Amino acid sequence: MRYRLAAAVVAFALVTPSVFARADISGKWSGPVKLERNGETRDDTLMFEFKQTGNDLTGSGAPANDTPDPLKGKVDGAKVTFDVTTGGPVIHFDLTLDNGHLKGTLLAEQNGTKMTGTVDLQKSK
């Protein structure tokens, strides 16, 4: 009986770190975004620099060649949500870390006009 209990505790200890390990997405990320506004679509490239402290996320981001705007959000397991505060609308990102990619959607709304998009970011080397 003690042997089984000890074996179970050791097995749990070995599995637990990998199951509950938190992904750290700190660093530079970039990738394509497909934007849609008023029925028109546009492709662009986004660039972000993330700093993760625990579940809190800060940093900056913008389309390539634009001045980065501040961002603030949360990391909850593989789910990453954050808002980029621009001079205009706040842009909300709802992404999932999947196989080295941050994939998901963005949404911004200003004066009744919505902008949506799909995002696929990869960490820069």
Protein backbone atom coordinates (compact mmCIF):
# COMPACT_ATOMS: atom_id res chain seq x y z
CA MET A 1 0.00 0.00 0.00
CA ARG A 2 2.77 2.47 0.89
CA TYR A 3 4.58 1.58 -2.34
CA ARG A 4 1.50 2.43 -4.44
CA LEU A 5 1.00 5.70 -2.60
CA ALA A 6 4.66 6.65 -3.02
CA ALA A 7 4.54 5.74 -6.72
CA ALA A 8 1.40 7.83 -7.19
CA VAL A 9 2.98 10.83 -5.46
CA VAL A 10 6.14 10.56 -7.60
CA ALA A 11 4.09 10.22 -10.80
CA PHE A 12 1.97 13.24 -9.87
CA ALA A 13 5.07 15.28 -9.06
CA LEU A 14 6.59 14.46 -12.44
CA VAL A 15 3.43 15.25 -14.41
CA THR A 16 2.28 18.33 -12.48
CA PRO A 17 4.95 20.83 -13.63
CA SER A 18 4.33 20.12 -17.31
CA VAL A 19 0.54 20.17 -16.97
CA PHE A 20 0.34 23.33 -14.91
CA ALA A 21 3.36 25.15 -16.31
CA ARG A 22 2.52 28.66 -17.40
CA ALA A 23 3.64 29.75 -20.83
CA ASP A 24 5.81 32.85 -20.78
CA ILE A 25 5.19 34.86 -23.93
CA SER A 26 7.66 37.64 -23.06
CA GLY A 27 9.59 38.87 -26.07
CA LYS A 28 9.03 40.11 -29.60
CA TRP A 29 6.23 38.65 -31.73
CA SER A 30 5.10 39.48 -35.24
CA GLY A 31 2.83 38.16 -37.94
CA PRO A 32 0.05 38.78 -40.42
CA VAL A 33 -3.34 40.27 -39.67
CA LYS A 34 -6.34 40.33 -41.98
CA LEU A 35 -8.47 43.38 -41.13
CA GLU A 36 -12.07 44.04 -42.11
CA ARG A 37 -13.88 47.36 -41.80
CA ASN A 38 -17.00 48.55 -43.61
CA GLY A 39 -16.93 45.47 -45.87
CA GLU A 40 -13.38 46.11 -47.03
CA THR A 41 -10.45 43.85 -46.15
CA ARG A 42 -6.79 44.71 -45.79
CA ASP A 43 -3.70 42.66 -44.99
CA ASP A 44 -0.99 44.04 -42.72
CA THR A 45 1.76 42.89 -40.38
CA LEU A 46 1.63 43.43 -36.62
CA MET A 47 4.63 43.70 -34.29
CA PHE A 48 4.44 43.31 -30.51
CA GLU A 49 6.83 43.32 -27.59
CA PHE A 50 5.34 41.53 -24.57
CA LYS A 51 6.48 41.48 -20.95
CA GLN A 52 4.75 38.86 -18.85
CA THR A 53 4.91 38.92 -15.05
CA GLY A 54 2.87 36.04 -13.66
CA ASN A 55 -0.50 36.35 -15.36
CA ASP A 56 -0.11 40.08 -16.09
CA LEU A 57 0.87 41.20 -19.57
CA THR A 58 2.24 44.60 -20.58
CA GLY A 59 4.17 45.89 -23.56
CA SER A 60 3.52 47.63 -26.84
CA GLY A 61 2.44 46.89 -30.37
CA ALA A 62 1.47 48.32 -33.73
CA PRO A 63 1.40 47.59 -37.42
CA ALA A 64 4.91 47.29 -38.87
CA ASN A 65 6.61 50.68 -39.37
CA ASP A 66 4.15 52.47 -37.03
CA THR A 67 4.91 53.87 -33.58
CA PRO A 68 4.02 51.21 -30.98
CA ASP A 69 1.12 51.86 -28.60
CA PRO A 70 0.94 50.54 -25.02
CA LEU A 71 -0.89 47.32 -24.21
CA LYS A 72 -2.14 45.68 -21.04
CA GLY A 73 -3.73 42.28 -20.53
CA LYS A 74 -3.71 38.80 -19.01
CA VAL A 75 -2.33 35.35 -19.72
CA ASP A 76 -4.49 32.49 -18.46
CA GLY A 77 -2.96 29.18 -19.49
CA ALA A 78 -2.95 29.25 -23.29
CA LYS A 79 -5.45 32.13 -23.46
CA VAL A 80 -3.95 35.60 -24.01
CA THR A 81 -6.15 38.69 -23.93
CA PHE A 82 -5.02 42.30 -24.07
CA ASP A 83 -6.03 45.79 -25.13
CA VAL A 84 -3.88 48.16 -27.16
CA THR A 85 -4.59 51.79 -26.33
CA THR A 86 -4.20 53.88 -29.48
CA GLY A 87 -4.86 57.54 -30.16
CA GLY A 88 -8.22 56.34 -31.48
CA PRO A 89 -10.13 53.23 -30.47
CA VAL A 90 -8.93 50.64 -27.98
CA ILE A 91 -8.15 47.42 -29.86
CA HIS A 92 -9.06 44.22 -28.00
CA PHE A 93 -7.13 41.02 -28.80
CA ASP A 94 -8.36 37.54 -27.89
CA LEU A 95 -5.60 35.03 -28.74
CA THR A 96 -4.64 31.45 -27.96
CA LEU A 97 -1.10 30.08 -27.75
CA ASP A 98 -1.05 27.05 -30.04
CA ASN A 99 2.09 25.26 -31.20
CA GLY A 100 4.29 28.36 -30.99
CA HIS A 101 1.70 30.69 -32.53
CA LEU A 102 -0.56 33.27 -30.94
CA LYS A 103 -3.73 33.00 -33.02
CA GLY A 104 -7.09 34.66 -32.68
CA THR A 105 -9.08 37.79 -33.28
CA LEU A 106 -9.08 41.52 -32.70
CA LEU A 107 -11.96 43.94 -32.35
CA ALA A 108 -12.08 47.73 -32.29
CA GLU A 109 -15.09 50.00 -32.34
CA GLN A 110 -15.32 53.75 -32.73
CA ASN A 111 -18.29 55.97 -33.54
CA GLY A 112 -20.40 52.94 -34.48
CA THR A 113 -17.81 51.55 -36.91
CA LYS A 114 -16.35 48.13 -36.11
CA MET A 115 -13.01 46.79 -37.24
CA THR A 116 -12.36 43.07 -36.87
CA GLY A 117 -9.39 40.94 -37.77
CA THR A 118 -7.69 37.58 -37.57
CA VAL A 119 -4.16 37.37 -36.21
CA ASP A 120 -1.35 34.77 -36.40
CA LEU A 121 1.78 35.82 -34.50
CA GLN A 122 5.08 34.00 -34.08
CA LYS A 123 7.88 34.77 -31.63
CA SER A 124 10.84 36.51 -33.27
CA LYS A 125 14.22 34.90 -32.91
